[in-house]
Amino acid sequence: MMRYEGEEKLEDTSPCAGVRADLKMCLLKSDCCVKEKKTPRECINRHDGTVPEQCHVLRNTFFECKRSLLDNRQRFRGRKGY
């Protein structure tokens, strides 16, 4: 989980909240949201270079983290991306 100015803590304490926050900030700082004024939901599905590869990696990490919540085997291994 990234820490921002002054080591602020997230209000959302749900599982995968840190990855979700990192993905949100990555998308909001991308050229797609800043220059083209599109929503993060519209931008995440684009592969035209306006969204950094790091955002796509964070999207996959968030997906794996959410999926690990449903997988009973992960109780022993821990959540992915945590």
N, C-alpha and C. Protein backbone atom coordinates (compact mmCIF):
# COMPACT_ATOMS: atom_id res chain seq x y z
N MET A 1 0.84 -1.17 0.00
CA MET A 1 0.00 0.00 0.00
C MET A 1 0.89 1.23 0.00
N MET A 2 0.60 2.16 -0.89
CA MET A 2 1.36 3.40 -0.95
C MET A 2 0.90 4.34 0.16
N ARG A 3 1.84 5.09 0.66
CA ARG A 3 1.50 6.10 1.66
C ARG A 3 1.64 7.46 0.99
N TYR A 4 0.73 8.34 1.26
CA TYR A 4 0.75 9.67 0.66
C TYR A 4 1.04 10.69 1.75
N GLU A 5 1.20 11.94 1.37
CA GLU A 5 1.62 13.03 2.24
C GLU A 5 1.25 12.81 3.71
N GLY A 6 2.26 12.80 4.55
CA GLY A 6 2.05 12.74 5.97
C GLY A 6 1.61 11.39 6.49
N GLU A 7 1.87 10.32 5.76
CA GLU A 7 1.53 8.97 6.22
C GLU A 7 0.04 8.85 6.59
N GLU A 8 -0.83 9.36 5.72
CA GLU A 8 -2.27 9.27 5.97
C GLU A 8 -2.71 7.82 5.89
N LYS A 9 -3.69 7.47 6.70
CA LYS A 9 -4.24 6.12 6.66
C LYS A 9 -5.53 6.15 5.88
N LEU A 10 -5.84 5.04 5.22
CA LEU A 10 -7.07 4.93 4.47
C LEU A 10 -8.25 4.75 5.41
N GLU A 11 -9.36 5.38 5.07
CA GLU A 11 -10.58 5.19 5.86
C GLU A 11 -11.17 3.82 5.59
N ASP A 12 -10.98 3.34 4.36
CA ASP A 12 -11.50 2.03 3.97
C ASP A 12 -10.57 0.96 4.51
N THR A 13 -11.06 0.14 5.42
CA THR A 13 -10.23 -0.91 6.01
C THR A 13 -10.58 -2.29 5.46
N SER A 14 -11.35 -2.33 4.38
CA SER A 14 -11.73 -3.61 3.80
C SER A 14 -10.52 -4.26 3.14
N PRO A 15 -10.58 -5.57 2.93
CA PRO A 15 -9.47 -6.25 2.24
C PRO A 15 -9.26 -5.66 0.85
N CYS A 16 -8.05 -5.57 0.44
CA CYS A 16 -7.65 -5.06 -0.88
C CYS A 16 -7.85 -3.56 -1.02
N ALA A 17 -8.10 -2.84 0.06
CA ALA A 17 -8.34 -1.40 -0.01
C ALA A 17 -7.09 -0.65 -0.48
N GLY A 18 -5.92 -1.09 -0.07
CA GLY A 18 -4.69 -0.43 -0.48
C GLY A 18 -4.44 -0.55 -1.97
N VAL A 19 -4.68 -1.72 -2.52
CA VAL A 19 -4.50 -1.93 -3.95
C VAL A 19 -5.53 -1.11 -4.72
N ARG A 20 -6.77 -1.06 -4.20
CA ARG A 20 -7.83 -0.28 -4.83
C ARG A 20 -7.45 1.20 -4.86
N ALA A 21 -6.90 1.72 -3.77
CA ALA A 21 -6.50 3.13 -3.70
C ALA A 21 -5.35 3.41 -4.66
N ASP A 22 -4.38 2.51 -4.74
CA ASP A 22 -3.27 2.69 -5.67
C ASP A 22 -3.74 2.69 -7.12
N LEU A 23 -4.67 1.80 -7.45
CA LEU A 23 -5.23 1.73 -8.80
C LEU A 23 -5.99 3.01 -9.12
N LYS A 24 -6.77 3.49 -8.18
CA LYS A 24 -7.55 4.71 -8.38
C LYS A 24 -6.63 5.90 -8.64
N MET A 25 -5.59 6.04 -7.82
CA MET A 25 -4.66 7.16 -8.00
C MET A 25 -3.89 7.06 -9.32
N CYS A 26 -3.52 5.86 -9.70
CA CYS A 26 -2.82 5.65 -10.97
C CYS A 26 -3.70 6.08 -12.14
N LEU A 27 -4.96 5.67 -12.10
CA LEU A 27 -5.88 6.02 -13.19
C LEU A 27 -6.17 7.52 -13.22
N LEU A 28 -6.35 8.13 -12.07
CA LEU A 28 -6.66 9.55 -12.03
C LEU A 28 -5.50 10.42 -12.50
N LYS A 29 -4.26 9.91 -12.38
CA LYS A 29 -3.09 10.66 -12.84
C LYS A 29 -2.73 10.36 -14.29
N SER A 30 -3.42 9.42 -14.92
CA SER A 30 -3.09 9.04 -16.30
C SER A 30 -3.55 10.12 -17.28
N ASP A 31 -2.94 10.11 -18.46
CA ASP A 31 -3.30 11.07 -19.51
C ASP A 31 -4.75 10.91 -19.94
N CYS A 32 -5.25 9.71 -19.86
CA CYS A 32 -6.63 9.44 -20.27
C CYS A 32 -7.61 10.24 -19.42
N CYS A 33 -7.42 10.27 -18.12
CA CYS A 33 -8.32 11.01 -17.22
C CYS A 33 -8.01 12.51 -17.22
N VAL A 34 -6.73 12.85 -17.28
CA VAL A 34 -6.34 14.25 -17.16
C VAL A 34 -6.60 15.02 -18.45
N LYS A 35 -6.08 14.53 -19.56
CA LYS A 35 -6.18 15.27 -20.82
C LYS A 35 -7.48 15.01 -21.58
N GLU A 36 -7.94 13.77 -21.58
CA GLU A 36 -9.12 13.43 -22.37
C GLU A 36 -10.41 13.52 -21.56
N LYS A 37 -10.31 13.80 -20.26
CA LYS A 37 -11.47 13.98 -19.37
C LYS A 37 -12.43 12.79 -19.38
N LYS A 38 -11.87 11.58 -19.36
CA LYS A 38 -12.68 10.38 -19.31
C LYS A 38 -12.70 9.85 -17.88
N THR A 39 -13.67 8.99 -17.58
CA THR A 39 -13.76 8.41 -16.25
C THR A 39 -12.73 7.29 -16.12
N PRO A 40 -12.32 6.96 -14.90
CA PRO A 40 -11.37 5.86 -14.72
C PRO A 40 -11.91 4.53 -15.27
N ARG A 41 -13.21 4.31 -15.18
CA ARG A 41 -13.81 3.08 -15.71
C ARG A 41 -13.63 3.00 -17.23
N GLU A 42 -13.78 4.13 -17.91
CA GLU A 42 -13.58 4.14 -19.36
C GLU A 42 -12.11 3.96 -19.72
N CYS A 43 -11.24 4.50 -18.89
CA CYS A 43 -9.81 4.48 -19.19
C CYS A 43 -9.17 3.10 -18.96
N ILE A 44 -9.63 2.35 -17.98
CA ILE A 44 -8.95 1.09 -17.63
C ILE A 44 -9.04 0.08 -18.76
N ASN A 45 -10.03 0.17 -19.60
CA ASN A 45 -10.19 -0.79 -20.70
C ASN A 45 -9.44 -0.39 -21.96
N ARG A 46 -8.79 0.76 -21.94
CA ARG A 46 -8.06 1.23 -23.12
C ARG A 46 -6.63 0.73 -23.10
N HIS A 47 -6.13 0.38 -24.25
CA HIS A 47 -4.74 -0.05 -24.39
C HIS A 47 -4.07 0.77 -25.50
N ASP A 48 -4.33 2.07 -25.50
CA ASP A 48 -3.80 2.93 -26.56
C ASP A 48 -2.60 3.77 -26.12
N GLY A 49 -2.08 3.50 -24.93
CA GLY A 49 -0.90 4.22 -24.46
C GLY A 49 -1.19 5.40 -23.56
N THR A 50 -2.47 5.77 -23.41
CA THR A 50 -2.80 6.89 -22.53
C THR A 50 -2.85 6.46 -21.06
N VAL A 51 -2.94 5.15 -20.83
CA VAL A 51 -2.93 4.61 -19.46
C VAL A 51 -1.62 3.83 -19.29
N PRO A 52 -0.83 4.16 -18.25
CA PRO A 52 0.45 3.47 -18.04
C PRO A 52 0.27 1.97 -17.79
N GLU A 53 1.28 1.22 -18.12
CA GLU A 53 1.25 -0.22 -17.90
C GLU A 53 1.11 -0.55 -16.42
N GLN A 54 1.63 0.31 -15.56
CA GLN A 54 1.53 0.10 -14.11
C GLN A 54 0.07 0.02 -13.68
N CYS A 55 -0.81 0.80 -14.30
CA CYS A 55 -2.24 0.75 -13.95
C CYS A 55 -2.85 -0.59 -14.33
N HIS A 56 -2.42 -1.14 -15.45
CA HIS A 56 -2.93 -2.45 -15.86
C HIS A 56 -2.42 -3.55 -14.93
N VAL A 57 -1.19 -3.40 -14.46
CA VAL A 57 -0.64 -4.36 -13.50
C VAL A 57 -1.39 -4.26 -12.17
N LEU A 58 -1.69 -3.04 -11.73
CA LEU A 58 -2.46 -2.85 -10.50
C LEU A 58 -3.87 -3.41 -10.64
N ARG A 59 -4.46 -3.28 -11.82
CA ARG A 59 -5.79 -3.85 -12.05
C ARG A 59 -5.76 -5.37 -11.89
N ASN A 60 -4.74 -6.00 -12.44
CA ASN A 60 -4.61 -7.45 -12.31
C ASN A 60 -4.35 -7.84 -10.85
N THR A 61 -3.53 -7.08 -10.15
CA THR A 61 -3.27 -7.35 -8.74
C THR A 61 -4.54 -7.22 -7.91
N PHE A 62 -5.35 -6.20 -8.21
CA PHE A 62 -6.62 -6.01 -7.50
C PHE A 62 -7.56 -7.18 -7.77
N PHE A 63 -7.60 -7.64 -9.02
CA PHE A 63 -8.44 -8.79 -9.37
C PHE A 63 -7.99 -10.03 -8.60
N GLU A 64 -6.68 -10.28 -8.55
CA GLU A 64 -6.16 -11.44 -7.83
C GLU A 64 -6.45 -11.35 -6.33
N CYS A 65 -6.37 -10.16 -5.78
CA CYS A 65 -6.66 -9.96 -4.36
C CYS A 65 -8.13 -10.26 -4.08
N LYS A 66 -9.03 -9.75 -4.90
CA LYS A 66 -10.46 -10.01 -4.69
C LYS A 66 -10.78 -11.49 -4.88
N ARG A 67 -10.14 -12.12 -5.86
CA ARG A 67 -10.39 -13.53 -6.09
C ARG A 67 -9.88 -14.38 -4.93
N SER A 68 -8.79 -13.96 -4.32
CA SER A 68 -8.24 -14.74 -3.21
C SER A 68 -9.15 -14.71 -1.99
N LEU A 69 -10.04 -13.72 -1.91
CA LEU A 69 -11.00 -13.67 -0.80
C LEU A 69 -12.00 -14.81 -0.88
N LEU A 70 -12.27 -15.28 -2.10
CA LEU A 70 -13.24 -16.35 -2.30
C LEU A 70 -12.62 -17.74 -2.26
N ASP A 71 -11.32 -17.82 -2.40
CA ASP A 71 -10.62 -19.10 -2.46
C ASP A 71 -10.24 -19.55 -1.06
N ASN A 72 -10.82 -20.64 -0.59
CA ASN A 72 -10.55 -21.12 0.76
C ASN A 72 -9.10 -21.55 0.97
N ARG A 73 -8.42 -21.95 -0.09
CA ARG A 73 -7.02 -22.33 0.05
C ARG A 73 -6.15 -21.14 0.43
N GLN A 74 -6.58 -19.95 0.08
CA GLN A 74 -5.79 -18.75 0.36
C GLN A 74 -5.81 -18.38 1.83
N ARG A 75 -6.68 -18.98 2.61
CA ARG A 75 -6.69 -18.70 4.05
C ARG A 75 -5.36 -19.05 4.67
N PHE A 76 -4.69 -20.07 4.14
CA PHE A 76 -3.42 -20.51 4.69
C PHE A 76 -2.24 -19.79 4.05
N ARG A 77 -2.40 -19.36 2.83
CA ARG A 77 -1.30 -18.72 2.09
C ARG A 77 -1.30 -17.20 2.22
N GLY A 78 -2.41 -16.62 2.52
CA GLY A 78 -2.52 -15.17 2.60
C GLY A 78 -3.04 -14.58 1.31
N ARG A 79 -3.54 -13.34 1.40
CA ARG A 79 -4.08 -12.69 0.22
C ARG A 79 -2.98 -12.26 -0.71
N LYS A 80 -3.24 -12.29 -2.01
CA LYS A 80 -2.28 -11.82 -2.99
C LYS A 80 -2.38 -10.31 -3.09
N GLY A 81 -1.26 -9.67 -3.30
CA GLY A 81 -1.23 -8.24 -3.44
C GLY A 81 -1.44 -7.48 -2.16
N TYR A 82 -1.27 -8.15 -1.04
CA TYR A 82 -1.53 -7.51 0.24
C TYR A 82 -0.25 -7.07 0.87
